């Protein structure tokens, strides 16, 4: 069974940090681009970041640059999203997703190209 399993969410105070993990089970991530998305209450799911098979990162939104870091560890078949200087507006359910299109060399900001999705993990930023 092909699946992505997420971990690492939780309740964090403003200014804190978190590292989200996305582990693939049943397949290797070596030929997939991995995207991170988030969905805040009452809002549509939006792209946060993506990393392709060359480990080239993309970040969607000026407010994310410098605070979000995406990385991948092929040996652990895992992609990480580290978030620093967390703000209340970062509160959302975060999802990872995998796409094999273009053999994982291309990142996509929108949801349609992604075939496999993690279960989602809640990140709440509050004092």
Foldseek 3Di string as FASTA:
>chain_A
DWAWAKDWADEAAQQAKIKIKIAIDPDAQLQKKKWKWWDDPPGDIWTAKIAFNVRDIDGDDPVQPPFWDWGDDRVRSMIMIMGGRDDQVVWTWMKMFIANPVSRHDDDTDDPRTDHMYPTDTHGYHD
